[in-house]
Amino acid sequence: MGLDQYAGSREMLDCQFVWRKHAKLQKYMEDLWYKQNDGEFNCQHLVLSKIDILNLKQAIENNEMPESEGGFFYGHQFQDESEQEYKEQDLKFCDWALAEIECGREVVYHCWY
């Protein structure tokens, strides 16, 4: 068991990006979720805006991803290592997401833990 994370465009049935126990990315997405919602984030779809993606990309490039206090299944105890392991994929996701948004498609993130 653990934190599984997915992102893709709402128009496509499969997810284009998958992460496992990337606690800092989860913390970033949780912060976005709770700015707009009150309910639990687990298994919900978070629609990402262009500004969300641009801010995420900047945080990744500058090694400023938020620290996660984690949940039992988040893998927060090795979050710095995960941040570095996923950095290239995270940046690819940002570029892909910006292109999708530019084409008028909705980009969504969801997690399961």
N, C-alpha and C. Protein backbone atom coordinates (compact mmCIF):
# COMPACT_ATOMS: atom_id res chain seq x y z
N MET A 1 0.84 -1.18 0.00
CA MET A 1 0.00 0.00 0.00
C MET A 1 0.88 1.24 0.00
N GLY A 2 0.31 2.29 -0.51
CA GLY A 2 1.03 3.54 -0.51
C GLY A 2 0.35 4.56 -1.39
N LEU A 3 0.97 5.68 -1.50
CA LEU A 3 0.46 6.79 -2.28
C LEU A 3 0.72 6.55 -3.76
N ASP A 4 -0.34 6.50 -4.55
CA ASP A 4 -0.26 6.42 -6.01
C ASP A 4 -0.84 7.70 -6.57
N GLN A 5 -0.14 8.29 -7.54
CA GLN A 5 -0.53 9.59 -8.08
C GLN A 5 -0.58 9.50 -9.59
N TYR A 6 -1.57 10.21 -10.17
CA TYR A 6 -1.81 10.14 -11.60
C TYR A 6 -2.16 11.52 -12.15
N ALA A 7 -1.80 11.75 -13.41
CA ALA A 7 -2.21 12.98 -14.08
C ALA A 7 -2.43 12.68 -15.55
N GLY A 8 -3.37 13.40 -16.10
CA GLY A 8 -3.68 13.26 -17.52
C GLY A 8 -4.68 14.31 -17.91
N SER A 9 -5.09 14.27 -19.17
CA SER A 9 -6.13 15.20 -19.59
C SER A 9 -7.47 14.51 -19.41
N ARG A 10 -8.46 15.29 -19.05
CA ARG A 10 -9.78 14.74 -18.80
C ARG A 10 -10.34 14.06 -20.06
N GLU A 11 -9.91 14.53 -21.22
CA GLU A 11 -10.42 14.00 -22.48
C GLU A 11 -9.88 12.61 -22.79
N MET A 12 -8.77 12.23 -22.17
CA MET A 12 -8.18 10.91 -22.42
C MET A 12 -8.51 10.01 -21.24
N LEU A 13 -8.80 8.76 -21.53
CA LEU A 13 -9.23 7.85 -20.48
C LEU A 13 -8.08 7.35 -19.62
N ASP A 14 -6.89 7.26 -20.19
CA ASP A 14 -5.76 6.76 -19.40
C ASP A 14 -4.91 7.93 -18.90
N CYS A 15 -4.12 7.68 -17.90
CA CYS A 15 -3.26 8.71 -17.33
C CYS A 15 -1.94 8.73 -18.07
N GLN A 16 -1.47 9.91 -18.35
CA GLN A 16 -0.21 10.05 -19.05
C GLN A 16 0.99 10.02 -18.10
N PHE A 17 0.76 10.34 -16.83
CA PHE A 17 1.85 10.39 -15.85
C PHE A 17 1.44 9.66 -14.58
N VAL A 18 2.38 8.90 -14.04
CA VAL A 18 2.15 8.13 -12.82
C VAL A 18 3.36 8.32 -11.90
N TRP A 19 3.06 8.54 -10.63
CA TRP A 19 4.10 8.65 -9.60
C TRP A 19 3.75 7.71 -8.46
N ARG A 20 4.74 7.33 -7.71
CA ARG A 20 4.52 6.48 -6.53
C ARG A 20 5.27 7.09 -5.36
N LYS A 21 4.53 7.47 -4.34
CA LYS A 21 5.08 8.02 -3.10
C LYS A 21 5.98 9.24 -3.34
N HIS A 22 5.49 10.15 -4.16
CA HIS A 22 6.19 11.43 -4.40
C HIS A 22 5.55 12.45 -3.46
N ALA A 23 6.00 12.45 -2.21
CA ALA A 23 5.35 13.19 -1.13
C ALA A 23 5.33 14.70 -1.37
N LYS A 24 6.38 15.26 -1.94
CA LYS A 24 6.41 16.70 -2.16
C LYS A 24 5.42 17.12 -3.25
N LEU A 25 5.30 16.33 -4.29
CA LEU A 25 4.30 16.63 -5.31
C LEU A 25 2.90 16.53 -4.71
N GLN A 26 2.68 15.53 -3.88
CA GLN A 26 1.38 15.38 -3.22
C GLN A 26 1.06 16.59 -2.34
N LYS A 27 2.05 17.07 -1.61
CA LYS A 27 1.85 18.24 -0.76
C LYS A 27 1.48 19.46 -1.60
N TYR A 28 2.15 19.65 -2.73
CA TYR A 28 1.83 20.76 -3.63
C TYR A 28 0.37 20.66 -4.07
N MET A 29 -0.03 19.46 -4.50
CA MET A 29 -1.39 19.27 -5.00
C MET A 29 -2.42 19.38 -3.88
N GLU A 30 -2.10 18.87 -2.70
CA GLU A 30 -3.01 19.02 -1.56
C GLU A 30 -3.24 20.48 -1.22
N ASP A 31 -2.17 21.27 -1.24
CA ASP A 31 -2.31 22.70 -0.96
C ASP A 31 -3.26 23.35 -1.96
N LEU A 32 -3.15 22.99 -3.24
CA LEU A 32 -4.08 23.52 -4.25
C LEU A 32 -5.51 23.07 -3.96
N TRP A 33 -5.66 21.79 -3.65
CA TRP A 33 -6.99 21.22 -3.39
C TRP A 33 -7.69 21.96 -2.25
N TYR A 34 -6.99 22.12 -1.14
CA TYR A 34 -7.61 22.70 0.05
C TYR A 34 -7.81 24.21 -0.05
N LYS A 35 -7.23 24.87 -1.04
CA LYS A 35 -7.55 26.27 -1.30
C LYS A 35 -8.94 26.40 -1.91
N GLN A 36 -9.40 25.34 -2.58
CA GLN A 36 -10.67 25.37 -3.31
C GLN A 36 -11.74 24.47 -2.72
N ASN A 37 -11.37 23.53 -1.87
CA ASN A 37 -12.30 22.48 -1.42
C ASN A 37 -12.16 22.23 0.08
N ASP A 38 -13.24 21.70 0.66
CA ASP A 38 -13.23 21.35 2.07
C ASP A 38 -13.07 19.85 2.29
N GLY A 39 -13.60 19.05 1.39
CA GLY A 39 -13.62 17.61 1.57
C GLY A 39 -12.27 16.96 1.37
N GLU A 40 -12.22 15.66 1.65
CA GLU A 40 -10.99 14.89 1.51
C GLU A 40 -10.54 14.84 0.06
N PHE A 41 -9.24 14.85 -0.14
CA PHE A 41 -8.63 14.88 -1.47
C PHE A 41 -8.49 13.49 -2.08
N ASN A 42 -8.37 12.46 -1.27
CA ASN A 42 -8.14 11.11 -1.75
C ASN A 42 -9.19 10.70 -2.79
N CYS A 43 -8.72 10.24 -3.95
CA CYS A 43 -9.57 9.74 -5.05
C CYS A 43 -10.41 10.83 -5.72
N GLN A 44 -10.06 12.08 -5.54
CA GLN A 44 -10.77 13.18 -6.19
C GLN A 44 -9.92 13.72 -7.34
N HIS A 45 -10.59 14.33 -8.31
CA HIS A 45 -9.87 14.93 -9.44
C HIS A 45 -9.66 16.42 -9.17
N LEU A 46 -8.42 16.84 -9.31
CA LEU A 46 -8.06 18.24 -9.17
C LEU A 46 -7.73 18.78 -10.56
N VAL A 47 -8.52 19.75 -11.01
CA VAL A 47 -8.25 20.38 -12.31
C VAL A 47 -7.16 21.42 -12.10
N LEU A 48 -6.13 21.35 -12.93
CA LEU A 48 -4.97 22.24 -12.80
C LEU A 48 -5.05 23.35 -13.85
N SER A 49 -4.79 24.56 -13.40
CA SER A 49 -4.79 25.71 -14.31
C SER A 49 -3.38 25.96 -14.84
N LYS A 50 -3.29 26.83 -15.80
CA LYS A 50 -1.98 27.20 -16.34
C LYS A 50 -1.08 27.77 -15.25
N ILE A 51 -1.64 28.63 -14.41
CA ILE A 51 -0.82 29.23 -13.35
C ILE A 51 -0.38 28.17 -12.33
N ASP A 52 -1.24 27.18 -12.05
CA ASP A 52 -0.85 26.08 -11.16
C ASP A 52 0.39 25.36 -11.71
N ILE A 53 0.37 25.10 -13.00
CA ILE A 53 1.47 24.37 -13.64
C ILE A 53 2.73 25.24 -13.69
N LEU A 54 2.56 26.51 -14.04
CA LEU A 54 3.73 27.40 -14.09
C LEU A 54 4.38 27.53 -12.71
N ASN A 55 3.57 27.64 -11.67
CA ASN A 55 4.11 27.71 -10.30
C ASN A 55 4.79 26.41 -9.90
N LEU A 56 4.20 25.29 -10.29
CA LEU A 56 4.80 23.99 -10.01
C LEU A 56 6.14 23.87 -10.72
N LYS A 57 6.18 24.24 -11.98
CA LYS A 57 7.43 24.15 -12.75
C LYS A 57 8.53 24.99 -12.10
N GLN A 58 8.19 26.18 -11.67
CA GLN A 58 9.16 27.06 -11.02
C GLN A 58 9.67 26.42 -9.72
N ALA A 59 8.77 25.86 -8.94
CA ALA A 59 9.16 25.22 -7.69
C ALA A 59 10.09 24.03 -7.95
N ILE A 60 9.80 23.26 -8.99
CA ILE A 60 10.66 22.12 -9.33
C ILE A 60 12.04 22.59 -9.77
N GLU A 61 12.06 23.55 -10.67
CA GLU A 61 13.35 24.05 -11.20
C GLU A 61 14.22 24.66 -10.12
N ASN A 62 13.59 25.31 -9.15
CA ASN A 62 14.33 25.99 -8.09
C ASN A 62 14.51 25.15 -6.84
N ASN A 63 14.15 23.86 -6.92
CA ASN A 63 14.24 22.95 -5.77
C ASN A 63 13.51 23.53 -4.56
N GLU A 64 12.31 24.05 -4.80
CA GLU A 64 11.49 24.67 -3.75
C GLU A 64 10.16 23.97 -3.55
N MET A 65 10.12 22.68 -3.80
CA MET A 65 8.89 21.94 -3.57
C MET A 65 8.59 21.93 -2.07
N PRO A 66 7.31 22.00 -1.71
CA PRO A 66 6.98 22.05 -0.28
C PRO A 66 7.28 20.74 0.44
N GLU A 67 7.75 20.86 1.66
CA GLU A 67 8.01 19.69 2.50
C GLU A 67 6.68 19.08 2.93
N SER A 68 6.64 17.79 2.94
CA SER A 68 5.45 17.07 3.35
C SER A 68 5.65 16.47 4.74
N GLU A 69 4.68 16.71 5.60
CA GLU A 69 4.69 16.02 6.89
C GLU A 69 4.26 14.58 6.69
N GLY A 70 3.66 14.36 5.54
CA GLY A 70 3.33 13.01 5.11
C GLY A 70 2.14 12.42 5.81
N GLY A 71 1.73 11.37 5.22
CA GLY A 71 0.74 10.50 5.81
C GLY A 71 1.44 9.17 5.97
N PHE A 72 0.78 8.24 6.53
CA PHE A 72 1.40 6.93 6.77
C PHE A 72 1.92 6.30 5.48
N PHE A 73 1.22 6.53 4.37
CA PHE A 73 1.57 5.87 3.11
C PHE A 73 2.31 6.77 2.12
N TYR A 74 2.70 7.96 2.51
CA TYR A 74 3.25 8.95 1.57
C TYR A 74 4.72 8.74 1.20
N GLY A 75 5.47 8.07 2.01
CA GLY A 75 6.90 7.95 1.76
C GLY A 75 7.64 9.23 2.09
N HIS A 76 7.10 10.00 3.04
CA HIS A 76 7.70 11.29 3.38
C HIS A 76 9.11 11.17 3.95
N GLN A 77 9.44 10.00 4.49
CA GLN A 77 10.76 9.83 5.08
C GLN A 77 11.88 9.83 4.02
N PHE A 78 11.53 9.63 2.75
CA PHE A 78 12.53 9.73 1.67
C PHE A 78 12.08 10.71 0.59
N GLN A 79 11.40 11.79 1.02
CA GLN A 79 10.86 12.75 0.06
C GLN A 79 11.91 13.53 -0.70
N ASP A 80 13.05 13.81 -0.10
CA ASP A 80 14.12 14.53 -0.81
C ASP A 80 14.67 13.67 -1.95
N GLU A 81 14.84 12.39 -1.69
CA GLU A 81 15.32 11.47 -2.73
C GLU A 81 14.30 11.35 -3.85
N SER A 82 13.03 11.23 -3.50
CA SER A 82 11.97 11.14 -4.52
C SER A 82 11.90 12.40 -5.36
N GLU A 83 12.09 13.53 -4.71
CA GLU A 83 12.06 14.81 -5.45
C GLU A 83 13.12 14.79 -6.55
N GLN A 84 14.32 14.33 -6.25
CA GLN A 84 15.39 14.29 -7.24
C GLN A 84 15.15 13.20 -8.29
N GLU A 85 14.67 12.04 -7.85
CA GLU A 85 14.39 10.95 -8.79
C GLU A 85 13.32 11.33 -9.82
N TYR A 86 12.32 12.08 -9.39
CA TYR A 86 11.19 12.43 -10.25
C TYR A 86 11.35 13.78 -10.95
N LYS A 87 12.43 14.48 -10.71
CA LYS A 87 12.56 15.84 -11.24
C LYS A 87 12.39 15.91 -12.75
N GLU A 88 13.05 15.05 -13.49
CA GLU A 88 12.93 15.06 -14.95
C GLU A 88 11.50 14.76 -15.38
N GLN A 89 10.88 13.77 -14.76
CA GLN A 89 9.49 13.44 -15.09
C GLN A 89 8.55 14.59 -14.72
N ASP A 90 8.79 15.22 -13.59
CA ASP A 90 7.95 16.35 -13.17
C ASP A 90 8.01 17.49 -14.18
N LEU A 91 9.21 17.77 -14.67
CA LEU A 91 9.35 18.84 -15.67
C LEU A 91 8.70 18.45 -17.00
N LYS A 92 8.81 17.19 -17.39
CA LYS A 92 8.11 16.71 -18.59
C LYS A 92 6.60 16.86 -18.41
N PHE A 93 6.12 16.52 -17.22
CA PHE A 93 4.69 16.68 -16.95
C PHE A 93 4.27 18.13 -17.11
N CYS A 94 5.05 19.05 -16.56
CA CYS A 94 4.70 20.48 -16.65
C CYS A 94 4.63 20.93 -18.10
N ASP A 95 5.63 20.56 -18.89
CA ASP A 95 5.63 20.95 -20.30
C ASP A 95 4.44 20.35 -21.04
N TRP A 96 4.17 19.07 -20.78
CA TRP A 96 3.03 18.40 -21.40
C TRP A 96 1.72 19.07 -20.98
N ALA A 97 1.58 19.35 -19.69
CA ALA A 97 0.35 19.95 -19.18
C ALA A 97 0.12 21.33 -19.78
N LEU A 98 1.15 22.13 -19.90
CA LEU A 98 1.01 23.45 -20.50
C LEU A 98 0.56 23.34 -21.95
N ALA A 99 1.10 22.37 -22.69
CA ALA A 99 0.69 22.16 -24.08
C ALA A 99 -0.77 21.72 -24.15
N GLU A 100 -1.18 20.84 -23.24
CA GLU A 100 -2.58 20.37 -23.21
C GLU A 100 -3.53 21.54 -22.93
N ILE A 101 -3.19 22.36 -21.96
CA ILE A 101 -4.02 23.50 -21.61
C ILE A 101 -4.09 24.47 -22.78
N GLU A 102 -2.97 24.67 -23.46
CA GLU A 102 -2.93 25.56 -24.63
C GLU A 102 -3.87 25.06 -25.73
N CYS A 103 -4.04 23.75 -25.81
CA CYS A 103 -4.95 23.15 -26.81
C CYS A 103 -6.40 23.12 -26.33
N GLY A 104 -6.65 23.66 -25.15
CA GLY A 104 -8.01 23.72 -24.63
C GLY A 104 -8.47 22.50 -23.86
N ARG A 105 -7.54 21.63 -23.49
CA ARG A 105 -7.91 20.43 -22.73
C ARG A 105 -7.69 20.67 -21.23
N GLU A 106 -8.49 19.99 -20.42
CA GLU A 106 -8.35 20.07 -18.96
C GLU A 106 -7.34 19.05 -18.48
N VAL A 107 -6.42 19.50 -17.65
CA VAL A 107 -5.43 18.61 -17.04
C VAL A 107 -5.87 18.34 -15.60
N VAL A 108 -5.90 17.06 -15.25
CA VAL A 108 -6.34 16.68 -13.90
C VAL A 108 -5.27 15.83 -13.22
N TYR A 109 -5.25 15.95 -11.91
CA TYR A 109 -4.37 15.17 -11.04
C TYR A 109 -5.28 14.47 -10.05
N HIS A 110 -4.96 13.24 -9.76
CA HIS A 110 -5.67 12.54 -8.68
C HIS A 110 -4.74 11.55 -8.01
N CYS A 111 -5.11 11.20 -6.80
CA CYS A 111 -4.27 10.32 -6.00
C CYS A 111 -5.14 9.28 -5.30
N TRP A 112 -4.45 8.26 -4.85
CA TRP A 112 -5.10 7.19 -4.09
C TRP A 112 -4.12 6.71 -3.04
N TYR A 113 -4.60 6.69 -1.82
CA TYR A 113 -3.75 6.19 -0.72
C TYR A 113 -4.59 5.44 0.28
